[in-house]
Amino acid sequence: MGSADALTAPGARQACGSGGTAAGVALGVRLSGAATRVHAYGVCDDEAYFYDHIDHLYSQMGIPPDATGGRPAGACLLVVLSP
């Protein structure tokens, strides 16, 4: 999804500085059963950094990568766009 598409796609939006809040919001949306996608707009670093960081946070909470169909949890739960 390109940056312009993400601006108009349905879902929750937020700024993403460290990835911690984005990880929590995305996980909360998933656990609630809501059919909402979280779009986090990175204010530093790139998409790979945020997905790696969020996956690390999830692994510390005991959420295995295979819980999301073998895809990295961060990439499965949210869209990160960087500048």
PDB file of N, CA and C in Angstrom:
ATOM      1  N   MET A   1       0.856  -1.174   0.000  1.00  0.00           N
ATOM      2  CA  MET A   1       0.000   0.000   0.000  1.00  0.00           C
ATOM      3  C   MET A   1       0.894   1.227   0.000  1.00  0.00           C
ATOM      4  N   GLY A   2       0.678   2.119  -0.914  1.00  0.00           N
ATOM      5  CA  GLY A   2       1.454   3.338  -0.980  1.00  0.00           C
ATOM      6  C   GLY A   2       1.019   4.348   0.058  1.00  0.00           C
ATOM      7  N   SER A   3       1.833   5.353   0.296  1.00  0.00           N
ATOM      8  CA  SER A   3       1.524   6.370   1.300  1.00  0.00           C
ATOM      9  C   SER A   3       0.198   7.064   1.040  1.00  0.00           C
ATOM     10  N   ALA A   4      -0.079   7.385  -0.212  1.00  0.00           N
ATOM     11  CA  ALA A   4      -1.334   8.073  -0.532  1.00  0.00           C
ATOM     12  C   ALA A   4      -2.530   7.166  -0.253  1.00  0.00           C
ATOM     13  N   ASP A   5      -2.413   5.881  -0.579  1.00  0.00           N
ATOM     14  CA  ASP A   5      -3.500   4.934  -0.310  1.00  0.00           C
ATOM     15  C   ASP A   5      -3.758   4.809   1.184  1.00  0.00           C
ATOM     16  N   ALA A   6      -2.695   4.790   1.972  1.00  0.00           N
ATOM     17  CA  ALA A   6      -2.838   4.635   3.419  1.00  0.00           C
ATOM     18  C   ALA A   6      -3.538   5.828   4.048  1.00  0.00           C
ATOM     19  N   LEU A   7      -3.405   6.986   3.435  1.00  0.00           N
ATOM     20  CA  LEU A   7      -4.052   8.179   3.983  1.00  0.00           C
ATOM     21  C   LEU A   7      -5.566   8.108   3.872  1.00  0.00           C
ATOM     22  N   THR A   8      -6.066   7.389   2.876  1.00  0.00           N
ATOM     23  CA  THR A   8      -7.505   7.318   2.670  1.00  0.00           C
ATOM     24  C   THR A   8      -8.106   5.968   3.065  1.00  0.00           C
ATOM     25  N   ALA A   9      -7.275   4.992   3.382  1.00  0.00           N
ATOM     26  CA  ALA A   9      -7.777   3.672   3.777  1.00  0.00           C
ATOM     27  C   ALA A   9      -8.448   3.763   5.141  1.00  0.00           C
ATOM     28  N   PRO A  10      -9.488   2.939   5.366  1.00  0.00           N
ATOM     29  CA  PRO A  10     -10.139   2.961   6.678  1.00  0.00           C
ATOM     30  C   PRO A  10      -9.216   2.414   7.754  1.00  0.00           C
ATOM     31  N   GLY A  11      -9.390   2.898   8.969  1.00  0.00           N
ATOM     32  CA  GLY A  11      -8.602   2.399  10.091  1.00  0.00           C
ATOM     33  C   GLY A  11      -8.184   3.500  11.034  1.00  0.00           C
ATOM     34  N   ALA A  12      -7.518   3.100  12.107  1.00  0.00           N
ATOM     35  CA  ALA A  12      -7.011   4.037  13.110  1.00  0.00           C
ATOM     36  C   ALA A  12      -5.652   4.561  12.655  1.00  0.00           C
ATOM     37  N   ARG A  13      -5.359   5.808  12.983  1.00  0.00           N
ATOM     38  CA  ARG A  13      -4.085   6.419  12.615  1.00  0.00           C
ATOM     39  C   ARG A  13      -3.420   7.035  13.827  1.00  0.00           C
ATOM     40  N   GLN A  14      -2.079   6.966  13.838  1.00  0.00           N
ATOM     41  CA  GLN A  14      -1.328   7.577  14.934  1.00  0.00           C
ATOM     42  C   GLN A  14       0.107   7.799  14.512  1.00  0.00           C
ATOM     43  N   ALA A  15       0.773   8.705  15.202  1.00  0.00           N
ATOM     44  CA  ALA A  15       2.203   8.892  15.004  1.00  0.00           C
ATOM     45  C   ALA A  15       2.931   7.751  15.705  1.00  0.00           C
ATOM     46  N   CYS A  16       4.099   7.392  15.193  1.00  0.00           N
ATOM     47  CA  CYS A  16       4.868   6.279  15.750  1.00  0.00           C
ATOM     48  C   CYS A  16       6.288   6.754  15.997  1.00  0.00           C
ATOM     49  N   GLY A  17       6.620   6.964  17.275  1.00  0.00           N
ATOM     50  CA  GLY A  17       7.962   7.422  17.625  1.00  0.00           C
ATOM     51  C   GLY A  17       8.891   6.285  17.968  1.00  0.00           C
ATOM     52  N   SER A  18       8.486   5.423  18.896  1.00  0.00           N
ATOM     53  CA  SER A  18       9.330   4.289  19.278  1.00  0.00           C
ATOM     54  C   SER A  18       8.728   2.956  18.863  1.00  0.00           C
ATOM     55  N   GLY A  19       7.432   2.933  18.616  1.00  0.00           N
ATOM     56  CA  GLY A  19       6.758   1.695  18.239  1.00  0.00           C
ATOM     57  C   GLY A  19       5.973   1.067  19.366  1.00  0.00           C
ATOM     58  N   GLY A  20       6.221   1.486  20.608  1.00  0.00           N
ATOM     59  CA  GLY A  20       5.547   0.886  21.750  1.00  0.00           C
ATOM     60  C   GLY A  20       4.045   1.103  21.764  1.00  0.00           C
ATOM     61  N   THR A  21       3.622   2.322  21.555  1.00  0.00           N
ATOM     62  CA  THR A  21       2.185   2.612  21.544  1.00  0.00           C
ATOM     63  C   THR A  21       1.521   1.942  20.355  1.00  0.00           C
ATOM     64  N   ALA A  22       2.177   1.973  19.197  1.00  0.00           N
ATOM     65  CA  ALA A  22       1.611   1.319  18.014  1.00  0.00           C
ATOM     66  C   ALA A  22       1.435  -0.176  18.262  1.00  0.00           C
ATOM     67  N   ALA A  23       2.404  -0.789  18.922  1.00  0.00           N
ATOM     68  CA  ALA A  23       2.305  -2.218  19.245  1.00  0.00           C
ATOM     69  C   ALA A  23       1.108  -2.483  20.146  1.00  0.00           C
ATOM     70  N   GLY A  24       0.925  -1.640  21.155  1.00  0.00           N
ATOM     71  CA  GLY A  24      -0.194  -1.813  22.084  1.00  0.00           C
ATOM     72  C   GLY A  24      -1.542  -1.573  21.447  1.00  0.00           C
ATOM     73  N   VAL A  25      -1.637  -0.527  20.646  1.00  0.00           N
ATOM     74  CA  VAL A  25      -2.905  -0.224  19.976  1.00  0.00           C
ATOM     75  C   VAL A  25      -3.260  -1.345  18.998  1.00  0.00           C
ATOM     76  N   ALA A  26      -2.291  -1.779  18.199  1.00  0.00           N
ATOM     77  CA  ALA A  26      -2.556  -2.842  17.219  1.00  0.00           C
ATOM     78  C   ALA A  26      -2.962  -4.135  17.910  1.00  0.00           C
ATOM     79  N   LEU A  27      -2.285  -4.476  18.998  1.00  0.00           N
ATOM     80  CA  LEU A  27      -2.634  -5.693  19.729  1.00  0.00           C
ATOM     81  C   LEU A  27      -4.015  -5.568  20.358  1.00  0.00           C
ATOM     82  N   GLY A  28      -4.321  -4.401  20.923  1.00  0.00           N
ATOM     83  CA  GLY A  28      -5.643  -4.177  21.508  1.00  0.00           C
ATOM     84  C   GLY A  28      -6.753  -4.289  20.484  1.00  0.00           C
ATOM     85  N   VAL A  29      -6.526  -3.742  19.294  1.00  0.00           N
ATOM     86  CA  VAL A  29      -7.519  -3.844  18.222  1.00  0.00           C
ATOM     87  C   VAL A  29      -7.723  -5.308  17.854  1.00  0.00           C
ATOM     88  N   ARG A  30      -6.616  -6.063  17.721  1.00  0.00           N
ATOM     89  CA  ARG A  30      -6.718  -7.482  17.367  1.00  0.00           C
ATOM     90  C   ARG A  30      -7.476  -8.256  18.443  1.00  0.00           C
ATOM     91  N   LEU A  31      -7.133  -8.036  19.708  1.00  0.00           N
ATOM     92  CA  LEU A  31      -7.772  -8.773  20.812  1.00  0.00           C
ATOM     93  C   LEU A  31      -9.242  -8.404  20.973  1.00  0.00           C
ATOM     94  N   SER A  32      -9.608  -7.184  20.564  1.00  0.00           N
ATOM     95  CA  SER A  32     -11.002  -6.757  20.683  1.00  0.00           C
ATOM     96  C   SER A  32     -11.882  -7.396  19.618  1.00  0.00           C
ATOM     97  N   GLY A  33     -11.248  -7.909  18.566  1.00  0.00           N
ATOM     98  CA  GLY A  33     -12.009  -8.488  17.479  1.00  0.00           C
ATOM     99  C   GLY A  33     -12.493  -7.466  16.464  1.00  0.00           C
ATOM    100  N   ALA A  34     -12.108  -6.204  16.657  1.00  0.00           N
ATOM    101  CA  ALA A  34     -12.523  -5.153  15.719  1.00  0.00           C
ATOM    102  C   ALA A  34     -11.868  -5.380  14.357  1.00  0.00           C
ATOM    103  N   ALA A  35     -12.580  -5.100  13.321  1.00  0.00           N
ATOM    104  CA  ALA A  35     -12.056  -5.243  11.960  1.00  0.00           C
ATOM    105  C   ALA A  35     -11.438  -3.925  11.519  1.00  0.00           C
ATOM    106  N   THR A  36     -10.484  -3.447  12.301  1.00  0.00           N
ATOM    107  CA  THR A  36      -9.848  -2.160  12.046  1.00  0.00           C
ATOM    108  C   THR A  36      -8.359  -2.369  11.858  1.00  0.00           C
ATOM    109  N   ARG A  37      -7.771  -1.690  10.928  1.00  0.00           N
ATOM    110  CA  ARG A  37      -6.331  -1.746  10.696  1.00  0.00           C
ATOM    111  C   ARG A  37      -5.711  -0.501  11.314  1.00  0.00           C
ATOM    112  N   VAL A  38      -4.567  -0.651  11.957  1.00  0.00           N
ATOM    113  CA  VAL A  38      -3.863   0.473  12.564  1.00  0.00           C
ATOM    114  C   VAL A  38      -2.792   0.953  11.589  1.00  0.00           C
ATOM    115  N   HIS A  39      -2.786   2.253  11.317  1.00  0.00           N
ATOM    116  CA  HIS A  39      -1.782   2.871  10.452  1.00  0.00           C
ATOM    117  C   HIS A  39      -0.912   3.745  11.344  1.00  0.00           C
ATOM    118  N   ALA A  40       0.349   3.374  11.486  1.00  0.00           N
ATOM    119  CA  ALA A  40       1.281   4.148  12.305  1.00  0.00           C
ATOM    120  C   ALA A  40       2.232   4.894  11.387  1.00  0.00           C
ATOM    121  N   TYR A  41       2.357   6.182  11.587  1.00  0.00           N
ATOM    122  CA  TYR A  41       3.215   7.015  10.757  1.00  0.00           C
ATOM    123  C   TYR A  41       4.528   7.241  11.491  1.00  0.00           C
ATOM    124  N   GLY A  42       5.581   6.578  11.024  1.00  0.00           N
ATOM    125  CA  GLY A  42       6.884   6.682  11.664  1.00  0.00           C
ATOM    126  C   GLY A  42       7.446   8.082  11.561  1.00  0.00           C
ATOM    127  N   VAL A  43       7.943   8.584  12.673  1.00  0.00           N
ATOM    128  CA  VAL A  43       8.532   9.925  12.671  1.00  0.00           C
ATOM    129  C   VAL A  43      10.057   9.847  12.644  1.00  0.00           C
ATOM    130  N   CYS A  44      10.586   8.647  12.710  1.00  0.00           N
ATOM    131  CA  CYS A  44      12.020   8.417  12.617  1.00  0.00           C
ATOM    132  C   CYS A  44      12.234   6.986  12.128  1.00  0.00           C
ATOM    133  N   ASP A  45      13.393   6.651  11.709  1.00  0.00           N
ATOM    134  CA  ASP A  45      13.725   5.311  11.237  1.00  0.00           C
ATOM    135  C   ASP A  45      12.870   4.902  10.040  1.00  0.00           C
ATOM    136  N   ASP A  46      12.835   3.608   9.742  1.00  0.00           N
ATOM    137  CA  ASP A  46      12.075   3.126   8.589  1.00  0.00           C
ATOM    138  C   ASP A  46      11.145   1.991   9.003  1.00  0.00           C
ATOM    139  N   GLU A  47      10.366   1.491   8.037  1.00  0.00           N
ATOM    140  CA  GLU A  47       9.379   0.460   8.340  1.00  0.00           C
ATOM    141  C   GLU A  47      10.020  -0.774   8.976  1.00  0.00           C
ATOM    142  N   ALA A  48      11.167  -1.208   8.426  1.00  0.00           N
ATOM    143  CA  ALA A  48      11.833  -2.419   8.930  1.00  0.00           C
ATOM    144  C   ALA A  48      12.185  -2.271  10.408  1.00  0.00           C
ATOM    145  N   TYR A  49      12.690  -1.093  10.806  1.00  0.00           N
ATOM    146  CA  TYR A  49      13.014  -0.859  12.212  1.00  0.00           C
ATOM    147  C   TYR A  49      11.787  -1.041  13.090  1.00  0.00           C
ATOM    148  N   PHE A  50      10.678  -0.421  12.712  1.00  0.00           N
ATOM    149  CA  PHE A  50       9.474  -0.486  13.542  1.00  0.00           C
ATOM    150  C   PHE A  50       8.920  -1.907  13.614  1.00  0.00           C
ATOM    151  N   TYR A  51       8.865  -2.604  12.477  1.00  0.00           N
ATOM    152  CA  TYR A  51       8.358  -3.976  12.503  1.00  0.00           C
ATOM    153  C   TYR A  51       9.244  -4.862  13.372  1.00  0.00           C
ATOM    154  N   ASP A  52      10.573  -4.718  13.260  1.00  0.00           N
ATOM    155  CA  ASP A  52      11.488  -5.510  14.097  1.00  0.00           C
ATOM    156  C   ASP A  52      11.295  -5.189  15.568  1.00  0.00           C
ATOM    157  N   HIS A  53      11.196  -3.912  15.885  1.00  0.00           N
ATOM    158  CA  HIS A  53      11.039  -3.489  17.279  1.00  0.00           C
ATOM    159  C   HIS A  53       9.706  -3.991  17.851  1.00  0.00           C
ATOM    160  N   ILE A  54       8.645  -3.850  17.083  1.00  0.00           N
ATOM    161  CA  ILE A  54       7.327  -4.288  17.548  1.00  0.00           C
ATOM    162  C   ILE A  54       7.305  -5.807  17.712  1.00  0.00           C
ATOM    163  N   ASP A  55       7.909  -6.534  16.775  1.00  0.00           N
ATOM    164  CA  ASP A  55       7.972  -7.993  16.911  1.00  0.00           C
ATOM    165  C   ASP A  55       8.763  -8.388  18.152  1.00  0.00           C
ATOM    166  N   HIS A  56       9.823  -7.632  18.455  1.00  0.00           N
ATOM    167  CA  HIS A  56      10.596  -7.909  19.677  1.00  0.00           C
ATOM    168  C   HIS A  56       9.727  -7.686  20.916  1.00  0.00           C
ATOM    169  N   LEU A  57       8.955  -6.608  20.937  1.00  0.00           N
ATOM    170  CA  LEU A  57       8.057  -6.365  22.062  1.00  0.00           C
ATOM    171  C   LEU A  57       7.054  -7.496  22.217  1.00  0.00           C
ATOM    172  N   TYR A  58       6.478  -7.937  21.086  1.00  0.00           N
ATOM    173  CA  TYR A  58       5.505  -9.025  21.131  1.00  0.00           C
ATOM    174  C   TYR A  58       6.156 -10.311  21.632  1.00  0.00           C
ATOM    175  N   SER A  59       7.393 -10.592  21.210  1.00  0.00           N
ATOM    176  CA  SER A  59       8.049 -11.819  21.663  1.00  0.00           C
ATOM    177  C   SER A  59       8.301 -11.768  23.166  1.00  0.00           C
ATOM    178  N   GLN A  60       8.591 -10.585  23.703  1.00  0.00           N
ATOM    179  CA  GLN A  60       8.774 -10.442  25.142  1.00  0.00           C
ATOM    180  C   GLN A  60       7.474 -10.689  25.905  1.00  0.00           C
ATOM    181  N   MET A  61       6.342 -10.476  25.235  1.00  0.00           N
ATOM    182  CA  MET A  61       5.041 -10.725  25.857  1.00  0.00           C
ATOM    183  C   MET A  61       4.571 -12.152  25.608  1.00  0.00           C
ATOM    184  N   GLY A  62       5.381 -12.943  24.897  1.00  0.00           N
ATOM    185  CA  GLY A  62       5.028 -14.324  24.644  1.00  0.00           C
ATOM    186  C   GLY A  62       4.112 -14.544  23.456  1.00  0.00           C
ATOM    187  N   ILE A  63       4.025 -13.562  22.564  1.00  0.00           N
ATOM    188  CA  ILE A  63       3.199 -13.705  21.370  1.00  0.00           C
ATOM    189  C   ILE A  63       4.088 -14.274  20.267  1.00  0.00           C
ATOM    190  N   PRO A  64       3.862 -15.542  19.887  1.00  0.00           N
ATOM    191  CA  PRO A  64       4.736 -16.161  18.881  1.00  0.00           C
ATOM    192  C   PRO A  64       4.447 -15.651  17.471  1.00  0.00           C
ATOM    193  N   PRO A  65       5.482 -15.588  16.615  1.00  0.00           N
ATOM    194  CA  PRO A  65       5.271 -15.134  15.241  1.00  0.00           C
ATOM    195  C   PRO A  65       4.249 -15.983  14.498  1.00  0.00           C
ATOM    196  N   ASP A  66       4.172 -17.281  14.804  1.00  0.00           N
ATOM    197  CA  ASP A  66       3.243 -18.130  14.069  1.00  0.00           C
ATOM    198  C   ASP A  66       1.791 -17.877  14.454  1.00  0.00           C
ATOM    199  N   ALA A  67       1.555 -17.059  15.474  1.00  0.00           N
ATOM    200  CA  ALA A  67       0.180 -16.706  15.848  1.00  0.00           C
ATOM    201  C   ALA A  67      -0.447 -15.806  14.782  1.00  0.00           C
ATOM    202  N   THR A  68       0.375 -15.287  13.897  1.00  0.00           N
ATOM    203  CA  THR A  68      -0.123 -14.399  12.848  1.00  0.00           C
ATOM    204  C   THR A  68       0.086 -15.019  11.476  1.00  0.00           C
ATOM    205  N   GLY A  69       0.016 -16.326  11.393  1.00  0.00           N
ATOM    206  CA  GLY A  69       0.139 -16.999  10.105  1.00  0.00           C
ATOM    207  C   GLY A  69       1.552 -17.048   9.571  1.00  0.00           C
ATOM    208  N   GLY A  70       2.554 -17.000  10.450  1.00  0.00           N
ATOM    209  CA  GLY A  70       3.935 -17.077  10.017  1.00  0.00           C
ATOM    210  C   GLY A  70       4.526 -15.757   9.568  1.00  0.00           C
ATOM    211  N   ARG A  71       3.696 -14.725   9.478  1.00  0.00           N
ATOM    212  CA  ARG A  71       4.195 -13.399   9.118  1.00  0.00           C
ATOM    213  C   ARG A  71       4.620 -12.686  10.386  1.00  0.00           C
ATOM    214  N   PRO A  72       5.542 -11.744  10.286  1.00  0.00           N
ATOM    215  CA  PRO A  72       5.895 -10.973  11.479  1.00  0.00           C
ATOM    216  C   PRO A  72       4.650 -10.326  12.081  1.00  0.00           C
ATOM    217  N   ALA A  73       4.516 -10.405  13.385  1.00  0.00           N
ATOM    218  CA  ALA A  73       3.317  -9.899  14.056  1.00  0.00           C
ATOM    219  C   ALA A  73       3.071  -8.430  13.753  1.00  0.00           C
ATOM    220  N   GLY A  74       4.132  -7.621  13.798  1.00  0.00           N
ATOM    221  CA  GLY A  74       3.958  -6.194  13.535  1.00  0.00           C
ATOM    222  C   GLY A  74       3.368  -5.932  12.161  1.00  0.00           C
ATOM    223  N   ALA A  75       3.876  -6.607  11.157  1.00  0.00           N
ATOM    224  CA  ALA A  75       3.393  -6.405   9.788  1.00  0.00           C
ATOM    225  C   ALA A  75       1.970  -6.924   9.605  1.00  0.00           C
ATOM    226  N   CYS A  76       1.600  -7.890  10.429  1.00  0.00           N
ATOM    227  CA  CYS A  76       0.260  -8.460  10.315  1.00  0.00           C
ATOM    228  C   CYS A  76      -0.782  -7.570  10.994  1.00  0.00           C
ATOM    229  N   LEU A  77      -0.374  -6.877  12.035  1.00  0.00           N
ATOM    230  CA  LEU A  77      -1.321  -6.120  12.844  1.00  0.00           C
ATOM    231  C   LEU A  77      -1.422  -4.651  12.488  1.00  0.00           C
ATOM    232  N   LEU A  78      -0.396  -4.110  11.853  1.00  0.00           N
ATOM    233  CA  LEU A  78      -0.459  -2.686  11.542  1.00  0.00           C
ATOM    234  C   LEU A  78       0.349  -2.349  10.310  1.00  0.00           C
ATOM    235  N   VAL A  79       0.091  -1.169   9.794  1.00  0.00           N
ATOM    236  CA  VAL A  79       0.825  -0.625   8.652  1.00  0.00           C
ATOM    237  C   VAL A  79       1.687   0.510   9.178  1.00  0.00           C
ATOM    238  N   VAL A  80       2.998   0.428   8.933  1.00  0.00           N
ATOM    239  CA  VAL A  80       3.894   1.504   9.338  1.00  0.00           C
ATOM    240  C   VAL A  80       4.374   2.222   8.082  1.00  0.00           C
ATOM    241  N   LEU A  81       4.232   3.518   8.084  1.00  0.00           N
ATOM    242  CA  LEU A  81       4.740   4.349   6.975  1.00  0.00           C
ATOM    243  C   LEU A  81       5.797   5.264   7.538  1.00  0.00           C
ATOM    244  N   SER A  82       6.917   5.365   6.861  1.00  0.00           N
ATOM    245  CA  SER A  82       7.976   6.247   7.342  1.00  0.00           C
ATOM    246  C   SER A  82       8.168   7.393   6.369  1.00  0.00           C
ATOM    247  N   PRO A  83       8.800   8.465   6.882  1.00  0.00           N
ATOM    248  CA  PRO A  83       8.974   9.659   6.044  1.00  0.00           C
ATOM    249  C   PRO A  83       9.827   9.408   4.822  1.00  0.00           C
TER     250      PRO A  83
END
